[in-house]
C-alpha atoms as a PDB file:
ATOM      1  CA  MET A   1     101.806  92.765  86.930  1.00  0.00           C
ATOM      2  CA  LYS A   2     102.053  95.762  84.478  1.00  0.00           C
ATOM      3  CA  LYS A   3      98.427  96.202  83.793  1.00  0.00           C
ATOM      4  CA  LEU A   4      97.675  96.017  87.379  1.00  0.00           C
ATOM      5  CA  ILE A   5     100.229  98.454  88.319  1.00  0.00           C
ATOM      6  CA  ILE A   6      98.447 101.072  85.989  1.00  0.00           C
ATOM      7  CA  LEU A   7      95.190 100.372  86.965  1.00  0.00           C
ATOM      8  CA  VAL A   8      97.034 101.522  90.457  1.00  0.00           C
ATOM      9  CA  LEU A   9      98.182 104.285  88.776  1.00  0.00           C
ATOM     10  CA  ALA A  10      95.153 105.636  86.607  1.00  0.00           C
ATOM     11  CA  LEU A  11      93.223 104.970  89.692  1.00  0.00           C
ATOM     12  CA  THR A  12      95.135 107.076  92.042  1.00  0.00           C
ATOM     13  CA  MET A  13      95.602 109.833  89.283  1.00  0.00           C
ATOM     14  CA  ALA A  14      91.253 109.798  89.188  1.00  0.00           C
ATOM     15  CA  PHE A  15      90.898 110.006  92.949  1.00  0.00           C
ATOM     16  CA  CYS A  16      93.582 112.659  92.787  1.00  0.00           C
ATOM     17  CA  LEU A  17      91.927 114.825  90.165  1.00  0.00           C
ATOM     18  CA  ALA A  18      88.340 114.166  92.231  1.00  0.00           C
ATOM     19  CA  GLY A  19      90.126 116.025  95.105  1.00  0.00           C
ATOM     20  CA  VAL A  20      91.289 118.570  93.148  1.00  0.00           C
ATOM     21  CA  ALA A  21      87.583 118.868  92.052  1.00  0.00           C
ATOM     22  CA  CYS A  22      86.172 118.773  95.807  1.00  0.00           C
ATOM     23  CA  ALA A  23      88.289 122.064  96.091  1.00  0.00           C
ATOM     24  CA  GLU A  24      86.831 124.534  93.752  1.00  0.00           C
ATOM     25  CA  ASP A  25      86.964 127.421  95.035  1.00  0.00           C
ATOM     26  CA  VAL A  26      84.271 129.425  97.671  1.00  0.00           C
ATOM     27  CA  THR A  27      83.548 132.951  98.917  1.00  0.00           C
ATOM     28  CA  VAL A  28      82.549 133.507 103.018  1.00  0.00           C
ATOM     29  CA  THR A  29      82.172 136.177 105.319  1.00  0.00           C
ATOM     30  CA  VAL A  30      84.719 135.624 108.494  1.00  0.00           C
ATOM     31  CA  SER A  31      84.986 137.248 112.033  1.00  0.00           C
ATOM     32  CA  ILE A  32      87.677 137.330 114.285  1.00  0.00           C
ATOM     33  CA  SER A  33      88.506 138.184 117.770  1.00  0.00           C
ATOM     34  CA  ASP A  34      91.299 138.751 119.652  1.00  0.00           C
ATOM     35  CA  GLY A  35      91.956 137.606 123.265  1.00  0.00           C
ATOM     36  CA  SER A  36      91.322 141.134 124.967  1.00  0.00           C
ATOM     37  CA  GLY A  37      87.587 140.463 124.021  1.00  0.00           C
ATOM     38  CA  ASN A  38      88.028 143.133 120.584  1.00  0.00           C
ATOM     39  CA  ALA A  39      86.398 142.721 116.757  1.00  0.00           C
ATOM     40  CA  VAL A  40      90.073 142.207 114.959  1.00  0.00           C
ATOM     41  CA  LEU A  41      87.780 140.864 111.674  1.00  0.00           C
ATOM     42  CA  VAL A  42      84.202 141.814 111.060  1.00  0.00           C
ATOM     43  CA  GLN A  43      82.198 140.103 108.669  1.00  0.00           C
ATOM     44  CA  LYS A  44      84.767 140.567 105.988  1.00  0.00           C
ATOM     45  CA  PRO A  45      84.799 138.763 102.388  1.00  0.00           C
ATOM     46  CA  VAL A  46      86.909 135.918 102.054  1.00  0.00           C
ATOM     47  CA  THR A  47      88.144 133.742  98.682  1.00  0.00           C
ATOM     48  CA  VAL A  48      88.829 130.538 100.285  1.00  0.00           C
ATOM     49  CA  THR A  49      91.511 128.497  98.391  1.00  0.00           C
ATOM     50  CA  ASP A  50      92.695 124.779  99.593  1.00  0.00           C
ATOM     51  CA  ALA A  51      95.927 126.260 101.644  1.00  0.00           C
ATOM     52  CA  ASP A  52      96.811 123.006 102.736  1.00  0.00           C
ATOM     53  CA  ALA A  53      96.209 121.143  99.927  1.00  0.00           C
ATOM     54  CA  ASP A  54      94.480 118.256 101.308  1.00  0.00           C
ATOM     55  CA  GLY A  55      91.356 118.391  98.514  1.00  0.00           C
ATOM     56  CA  ALA A  56      89.321 119.867 100.518  1.00  0.00           C
ATOM     57  CA  LEU A  57      87.999 123.337 101.247  1.00  0.00           C
ATOM     58  CA  THR A  58      87.776 123.933 105.197  1.00  0.00           C
ATOM     59  CA  ILE A  59      87.503 126.041 108.522  1.00  0.00           C
ATOM     60  CA  GLY A  60      91.165 125.745 108.850  1.00  0.00           C
ATOM     61  CA  ASP A  61      91.655 126.982 104.897  1.00  0.00           C
ATOM     62  CA  ALA A  62      89.523 129.805 105.560  1.00  0.00           C
ATOM     63  CA  LEU A  63      91.077 131.466 108.315  1.00  0.00           C
ATOM     64  CA  ALA A  64      94.605 130.912 106.751  1.00  0.00           C
ATOM     65  CA  CYS A  65      92.806 132.512 103.867  1.00  0.00           C
ATOM     66  CA  ALA A  66      91.328 135.029 105.571  1.00  0.00           C
ATOM     67  CA  HIS A  67      95.352 135.754 107.717  1.00  0.00           C
ATOM     68  CA  ASP A  68      96.436 136.471 103.873  1.00  0.00           C
ATOM     69  CA  ALA A  69      94.367 138.715 103.224  1.00  0.00           C
ATOM     70  CA  TYR A  70      93.492 140.871 106.660  1.00  0.00           C
ATOM     71  CA  PHE A  71      96.958 140.167 108.976  1.00  0.00           C
ATOM     72  CA  PRO A  72      99.918 142.050 108.260  1.00  0.00           C
ATOM     73  CA  GLY A  73     102.294 139.349 106.858  1.00  0.00           C
ATOM     74  CA  GLY A  74      99.955 136.726 106.240  1.00  0.00           C
ATOM     75  CA  ALA A  75      99.223 133.261 107.556  1.00  0.00           C
ATOM     76  CA  ALA A  76     102.525 132.567 107.746  1.00  0.00           C
ATOM     77  CA  ALA A  77     103.070 135.268 110.490  1.00  0.00           C
ATOM     78  CA  GLY A  78      99.810 134.664 112.526  1.00  0.00           C
ATOM     79  CA  PHE A  79      98.144 131.734 111.744  1.00  0.00           C
ATOM     80  CA  ALA A  80      99.042 127.723 112.696  1.00  0.00           C
ATOM     81  CA  GLU A  81      96.892 124.624 112.612  1.00  0.00           C
ATOM     82  CA  SER A  82      98.498 121.188 113.398  1.00  0.00           C
ATOM     83  CA  VAL A  83      96.711 117.717 113.959  1.00  0.00           C
ATOM     84  CA  GLY A  84      95.736 116.993 117.265  1.00  0.00           C
ATOM     85  CA  MET A  85      93.752 114.671 119.428  1.00  0.00           C
ATOM     86  CA  TYR A  86      90.450 115.471 117.871  1.00  0.00           C
ATOM     87  CA  GLY A  87      91.789 116.411 114.184  1.00  0.00           C
ATOM     88  CA  LEU A  88      93.354 119.891 112.762  1.00  0.00           C
ATOM     89  CA  GLN A  89      93.196 121.905 115.719  1.00  0.00           C
ATOM     90  CA  LEU A  90      94.394 126.010 115.897  1.00  0.00           C
ATOM     91  CA  ASP A  91      97.515 126.720 117.459  1.00  0.00           C
ATOM     92  CA  LYS A  92      97.427 130.617 116.483  1.00  0.00           C
ATOM     93  CA  LEU A  93      95.386 133.084 115.425  1.00  0.00           C
ATOM     94  CA  TRP A  94      96.063 136.548 114.787  1.00  0.00           C
ATOM     95  CA  GLY A  95      99.228 136.148 115.452  1.00  0.00           C
ATOM     96  CA  THR A  96      98.605 134.820 119.181  1.00  0.00           C
ATOM     97  CA  ASP A  97      99.672 131.560 120.494  1.00  0.00           C
ATOM     98  CA  ALA A  98      96.816 131.351 123.490  1.00  0.00           C
ATOM     99  CA  GLY A  99      97.568 127.852 123.921  1.00  0.00           C
ATOM    100  CA  GLY A 100      94.858 125.845 122.279  1.00  0.00           C
ATOM    101  CA  ALA A 101      91.939 128.626 124.327  1.00  0.00           C
ATOM    102  CA  TYR A 102      90.227 128.722 120.730  1.00  0.00           C
ATOM    103  CA  GLY A 103      86.691 128.467 119.447  1.00  0.00           C
ATOM    104  CA  TYR A 104      85.402 127.946 115.988  1.00  0.00           C
ATOM    105  CA  TYR A 105      81.805 128.337 114.391  1.00  0.00           C
ATOM    106  CA  GLN A 106      80.029 127.424 111.530  1.00  0.00           C
ATOM    107  CA  ASN A 107      76.455 129.758 110.752  1.00  0.00           C
ATOM    108  CA  ASN A 108      76.394 129.622 114.428  1.00  0.00           C
ATOM    109  CA  THR A 109      77.209 126.321 114.648  1.00  0.00           C
ATOM    110  CA  ALA A 110      79.986 124.860 116.766  1.00  0.00           C
ATOM    111  CA  ALA A 111      82.873 123.174 114.599  1.00  0.00           C
ATOM    112  CA  ASN A 112      84.117 119.739 115.402  1.00  0.00           C
ATOM    113  CA  SER A 113      87.898 120.780 114.186  1.00  0.00           C
ATOM    114  CA  LEU A 114      89.458 122.777 111.802  1.00  0.00           C
ATOM    115  CA  GLY A 115      88.582 120.219 108.928  1.00  0.00           C
ATOM    116  CA  ASP A 116      85.254 120.732 108.713  1.00  0.00           C
ATOM    117  CA  VAL A 117      84.077 121.718 105.191  1.00  0.00           C
ATOM    118  CA  VAL A 118      82.651 125.092 104.110  1.00  0.00           C
ATOM    119  CA  THR A 119      80.266 126.027 101.422  1.00  0.00           C
ATOM    120  CA  ASN A 120      79.945 129.419  99.882  1.00  0.00           C
ATOM    121  CA  GLY A 121      78.651 131.835 101.388  1.00  0.00           C
ATOM    122  CA  ALA A 122      78.979 130.323 105.205  1.00  0.00           C
ATOM    123  CA  PHE A 123      79.384 132.519 108.423  1.00  0.00           C
ATOM    124  CA  ILE A 124      82.857 131.641 110.353  1.00  0.00           C
ATOM    125  CA  SER A 125      84.104 132.870 113.758  1.00  0.00           C
ATOM    126  CA  ALA A 126      86.610 132.481 115.361  1.00  0.00           C
ATOM    127  CA  PHE A 127      87.953 133.789 118.493  1.00  0.00           C
ATOM    128  CA  ILE A 128      90.430 133.404 121.226  1.00  0.00           C
ATOM    129  CA  TYR A 129      88.530 133.015 124.740  1.00  0.00           C
ATOM    130  CA  THR A 130      89.782 136.132 127.214  1.00  0.00           C
ATOM    131  CA  ASP A 131      88.756 133.675 130.177  1.00  0.00           C
ATOM    132  CA  THR A 132      91.435 130.809 128.852  1.00  0.00           C
ATOM    133  CA  ILE A 133      91.235 128.691 132.252  1.00  0.00           C
ATOM    134  CA  GLY A 134      87.262 128.001 132.472  1.00  0.00           C
ATOM    135  CA  TYR A 135      86.584 129.008 129.126  1.00  0.00           C
ATOM    136  CA  SER A 136      83.380 131.098 130.212  1.00  0.00           C
ATOM    137  CA  ASP A 137      82.862 133.368 127.300  1.00  0.00           C
ATOM    138  CA  THR A 138      79.406 133.187 125.606  1.00  0.00           C
ATOM    139  CA  TYR A 139      79.225 132.506 122.136  1.00  0.00           C
ATOM    140  CA  CYS A 140      76.589 134.861 120.746  1.00  0.00           C
ATOM    141  CA  TYR A 141      75.032 135.845 117.116  1.00  0.00           C
ATOM    142  CA  PHE A 142      72.509 138.308 116.216  1.00  0.00           C
ATOM    143  CA  ASP A 143      69.458 136.654 114.192  1.00  0.00           C
ATOM    144  CA  LYS A 144      70.581 139.360 111.675  1.00  0.00           C
ATOM    145  CA  ARG A 145      74.438 139.554 110.434  1.00  0.00           C
ATOM    146  CA  THR A 146      73.055 142.334 107.845  1.00  0.00           C
ATOM    147  CA  ALA A 147      69.601 144.357 107.483  1.00  0.00           C
ATOM    148  CA  THR A 148      68.835 147.603 105.301  1.00  0.00           C
ATOM    149  CA  VAL A 149      66.298 149.687 106.431  1.00  0.00           C
ATOM    150  CA  ALA A 150      65.299 153.726 105.442  1.00  0.00           C
ATOM    151  CA  ALA A 151      65.782 156.502 106.890  1.00  0.00           C
ATOM    152  CA  GLY A 152      63.249 157.350 109.566  1.00  0.00           C
ATOM    153  CA  GLY A 153      62.995 153.390 109.893  1.00  0.00           C
ATOM    154  CA  SER A 154      63.619 150.582 112.645  1.00  0.00           C
ATOM    155  CA  VAL A 155      65.436 147.154 113.020  1.00  0.00           C
ATOM    156  CA  THR A 156      64.713 144.960 115.660  1.00  0.00           C
ATOM    157  CA  LEU A 157      67.185 142.082 116.681  1.00  0.00           C
ATOM    158  CA  THR A 158      67.113 138.874 119.114  1.00  0.00           C
ATOM    159  CA  LEU A 159      70.614 138.336 120.477  1.00  0.00           C
ATOM    160  CA  THR A 160      71.078 134.588 121.186  1.00  0.00           C
ATOM    161  CA  GLY A 161      73.816 132.656 122.977  1.00  0.00           C
ATOM    162  CA  ALA A 162      74.928 129.141 122.066  1.00  0.00           C
ATOM    163  CA  GLY A 163      76.319 126.708 124.885  1.00  0.00           C
ATOM    164  CA  TYR A 164      76.019 123.201 126.806  1.00  0.00           C
ATOM    165  CA  ASP A 165      74.044 121.510 129.171  1.00  0.00           C
ATOM    166  CA  SER A 166      75.155 118.950 131.758  1.00  0.00           C
ATOM    167  CA  SER A 167      75.124 116.154 129.134  1.00  0.00           C
ATOM    168  CA  TRP A 168      77.372 118.398 126.681  1.00  0.00           C
ATOM    169  CA  SER A 169      74.304 118.903 124.130  1.00  0.00           C
ATOM    170  CA  PRO A 170      74.366 122.012 122.037  1.00  0.00           C
ATOM    171  CA  ILE A 171      71.555 124.347 123.400  1.00  0.00           C
ATOM    172  CA  THR A 172      70.622 127.943 123.009  1.00  0.00           C
ATOM    173  CA  PHE A 173      69.305 130.573 124.613  1.00  0.00           C
ATOM    174  CA  ALA A 174      68.297 134.146 125.192  1.00  0.00           C
ATOM    175  CA  ILE A 175      70.652 136.930 126.252  1.00  0.00           C
ATOM    176  CA  ASP A 176      68.680 139.641 128.170  1.00  0.00           C
ATOM    177  CA  ASP A 177      69.870 142.820 129.632  1.00  0.00           C
ATOM    178  CA  ALA A 178      72.689 142.998 127.470  1.00  0.00           C
ATOM    179  CA  THR A 179      73.677 147.040 126.054  1.00  0.00           C
ATOM    180  CA  ILE A 180      73.495 147.821 122.526  1.00  0.00           C
ATOM    181  CA  TRP A 181      76.818 149.307 120.897  1.00  0.00           C
ATOM    182  CA  ILE A 182      76.670 151.326 117.715  1.00  0.00           C
ATOM    183  CA  ASP A 183      79.949 152.070 115.836  1.00  0.00           C
ATOM    184  CA  GLY A 184      81.488 151.125 118.934  1.00  0.00           C
ATOM    185  CA  VAL A 185      79.929 153.352 121.568  1.00  0.00           C
ATOM    186  CA  ALA A 186      77.655 152.746 124.337  1.00  0.00           C
ATOM    187  CA  THR A 187      73.466 153.081 123.768  1.00  0.00           C
ATOM    188  CA  THR A 188      71.032 152.923 125.907  1.00  0.00           C
ATOM    189  CA  TYR A 189      69.479 150.333 124.050  1.00  0.00           C
ATOM    190  CA  VAL A 190      69.089 146.932 126.169  1.00  0.00           C
ATOM    191  CA  THR A 191      67.656 143.548 125.153  1.00  0.00           C
ATOM    192  CA  ASP A 192      64.655 142.245 126.354  1.00  0.00           C
ATOM    193  CA  ALA A 193      63.840 138.720 128.305  1.00  0.00           C
ATOM    194  CA  GLU A 194      63.530 137.395 125.019  1.00  0.00           C
ATOM    195  CA  GLY A 195      66.931 138.951 124.097  1.00  0.00           C
ATOM    196  CA  LYS A 196      65.077 141.717 121.485  1.00  0.00           C
ATOM    197  CA  VAL A 197      65.617 145.149 121.192  1.00  0.00           C
ATOM    198  CA  THR A 198      64.629 147.509 117.888  1.00  0.00           C
ATOM    199  CA  ILE A 199      66.976 150.446 116.871  1.00  0.00           C
ATOM    200  CA  PRO A 200      66.203 153.459 115.466  1.00  0.00           C
ATOM    201  CA  CYS A 201      67.969 154.526 112.389  1.00  0.00           C
ATOM    202  CA  ALA A 202      67.170 158.032 111.800  1.00  0.00           C
ATOM    203  CA  THR A 203      70.090 158.870 108.906  1.00  0.00           C
ATOM    204  CA  ALA A 204      71.832 157.486 105.981  1.00  0.00           C
ATOM    205  CA  GLY A 205      74.714 155.549 106.136  1.00  0.00           C
ATOM    206  CA  THR A 206      76.183 152.030 107.336  1.00  0.00           C
ATOM    207  CA  ILE A 207      75.971 151.358 111.029  1.00  0.00           C
ATOM    208  CA  THR A 208      78.053 148.180 112.890  1.00  0.00           C
ATOM    209  CA  VAL A 209      75.495 146.947 116.036  1.00  0.00           C
ATOM    210  CA  SER A 210      77.313 144.702 118.687  1.00  0.00           C
ATOM    211  CA  ALA A 211      76.270 143.646 122.248  1.00  0.00           C
ATOM    212  CA  LYS A 212      78.006 143.382 125.299  1.00  0.00           C
ATOM    213  CA  SER A 213      76.949 142.487 128.996  1.00  0.00           C
ATOM    214  CA  ALA A 214      77.553 143.238 132.502  1.00  0.00           C
ATOM    215  CA  SER A 215      76.656 139.420 133.856  1.00  0.00           C
ATOM    216  CA  LYS A 216      78.525 137.313 131.099  1.00  0.00           C
ATOM    217  CA  THR A 217      81.374 137.758 128.863  1.00  0.00           C
ATOM    218  CA  LEU A 218      80.533 138.039 125.074  1.00  0.00           C
ATOM    219  CA  VAL A 219      82.217 136.690 122.204  1.00  0.00           C
ATOM    220  CA  PRO A 220      82.006 139.899 119.828  1.00  0.00           C
ATOM    221  CA  THR A 221      78.948 139.538 117.510  1.00  0.00           C
ATOM    222  CA  SER A 222      77.678 142.463 114.695  1.00  0.00           C
ATOM    223  CA  CYS A 223      74.785 143.305 112.931  1.00  0.00           C
ATOM    224  CA  ILE A 224      75.879 145.887 109.775  1.00  0.00           C
ATOM    225  CA  ILE A 225      72.865 147.954 109.167  1.00  0.00           C
ATOM    226  CA  THR A 226      72.573 149.823 105.679  1.00  0.00           C
ATOM    227  CA  VAL A 227      70.258 152.847 106.328  1.00  0.00           C
ATOM    228  CA  SER A 228      68.905 153.972 102.992  1.00  0.00           C
ATOM    229  CA  ALA A 229      67.706 157.736 101.699  1.00  0.00           C
ATOM    230  CA  ALA A 230      66.076 156.722  99.414  1.00  0.00           C
ATOM    231  CA  ALA A 231      62.689 157.280 100.613  1.00  0.00           C
ATOM    232  CA  ASP A 232      60.436 159.577 102.205  1.00  0.00           C
ATOM    233  CA  VAL A 233      58.253 158.760 106.332  1.00  0.00           C
ATOM    234  CA  SER A 234      54.650 160.141 106.710  1.00  0.00           C
ATOM    235  CA  PRO A 235      54.835 161.903 110.074  1.00  0.00           C
ATOM    236  CA  GLU A 236      50.844 161.210 110.420  1.00  0.00           C
ATOM    237  CA  THR A 237      51.176 157.272 109.563  1.00  0.00           C
ATOM    238  CA  GLY A 238      54.574 156.485 109.808  1.00  0.00           C
ATOM    239  CA  ASP A 239      53.944 154.593 106.380  1.00  0.00           C
ATOM    240  CA  VAL A 240      57.566 155.043 104.218  1.00  0.00           C
ATOM    241  CA  LEU A 241      56.484 156.648 100.746  1.00  0.00           C
ATOM    242  CA  PRO A 242      59.152 155.639  98.001  1.00  0.00           C
ATOM    243  CA  ILE A 243      60.259 159.075  96.521  1.00  0.00           C
ATOM    244  CA  VAL A 244      59.700 157.270  92.997  1.00  0.00           C
ATOM    245  CA  LEU A 245      55.850 157.264  94.508  1.00  0.00           C
ATOM    246  CA  ILE A 246      56.538 161.074  95.635  1.00  0.00           C
ATOM    247  CA  ALA A 247      57.768 162.411  92.019  1.00  0.00           C
ATOM    248  CA  ALA A 248      54.794 160.207  90.220  1.00  0.00           C
ATOM    249  CA  LEU A 249      51.942 162.518  92.530  1.00  0.00           C
ATOM    250  CA  ALA A 250      53.484 165.690  92.042  1.00  0.00           C
ATOM    251  CA  ALA A 251      53.587 165.125  88.099  1.00  0.00           C
ATOM    252  CA  GLY A 252      49.851 163.848  88.349  1.00  0.00           C
ATOM    253  CA  ALA A 253      48.987 167.120  90.390  1.00  0.00           C
ATOM    254  CA  PHE A 254      50.653 169.403  87.725  1.00  0.00           C
ATOM    255  CA  VAL A 255      49.232 167.442  84.996  1.00  0.00           C
ATOM    256  CA  MET A 256      45.792 167.910  86.591  1.00  0.00           C
ATOM    257  CA  PHE A 257      46.430 171.898  87.177  1.00  0.00           C
ATOM    258  CA  VAL A 258      47.606 172.460  83.683  1.00  0.00           C
ATOM    259  CA  VAL A 259      44.345 170.775  82.242  1.00  0.00           C
ATOM    260  CA  LEU A 260      41.759 173.415  84.636  1.00  0.00           C
ATOM    261  CA  GLN A 261      43.643 176.058  83.612  1.00  0.00           C
ATOM    262  CA  ARG A 262      43.068 175.094  80.036  1.00  0.00           C
ATOM    263  CA  LYS A 263      39.366 174.682  80.213  1.00  0.00           C
ATOM    264  CA  ARG A 264      39.007 177.798  82.182  1.00  0.00           C
ATOM    265  CA  LYS A 265      40.686 179.817  79.415  1.00  0.00           C
ATOM    266  CA  ASN A 266      38.311 178.164  77.079  1.00  0.00           C
ATOM    267  CA  ALA A 267      35.312 178.514  78.656  1.00  0.00           C
END
């Protein structure tokens, strides 16, 4: 009997240690929008720890840690979860109890529950439906969450919506005729029939691109574009010439000038 008890205790300890080992911290990116359709957290880095001490790192842990990092009062004030009919469910997001009218995605795929495991580098998006009856808000995303371009260049983005067909199978579709917003200001750029739009980037800096539609209620999405000044654009061809290359050409021309001058002097 004693041997059996010792064996059971040893196996229990090994299981617990294995659970701890599996819960090694990871870093994810989190975006959250509130019930008014506004983005309250835009692509913020979050270090995920095992907040509920269940031995796994989950979407619930990621959202709890996001609140601890960015919400006044932390997760205790702004976040709540519980076990429901379909697993771990969201009860409060960004300080709001919306009666279950929440959506959450990992890497732009609808999650089964808050208990879905997260991996390092994952993107988590959570939101409160503005339509708390018909849940008609459309989850959407750009094909790029971040982009880098030289000043004078442009970035082409594709806006895609996610939903379900009549059999409740997941589908995606292009979102056309959506107006592009830059840093919270509407522009004249609009997505085409394929959901594509090209955005010129004239000056250096960082801009945040979002989208709104007159025909759909879009869940806020974003692409953060870094516009670098470390390049020059040829007005004749539009080719981007690195400053290093320009400097090298200038230095070569100077050396050639000096050589010719010496030849003339020695002639």
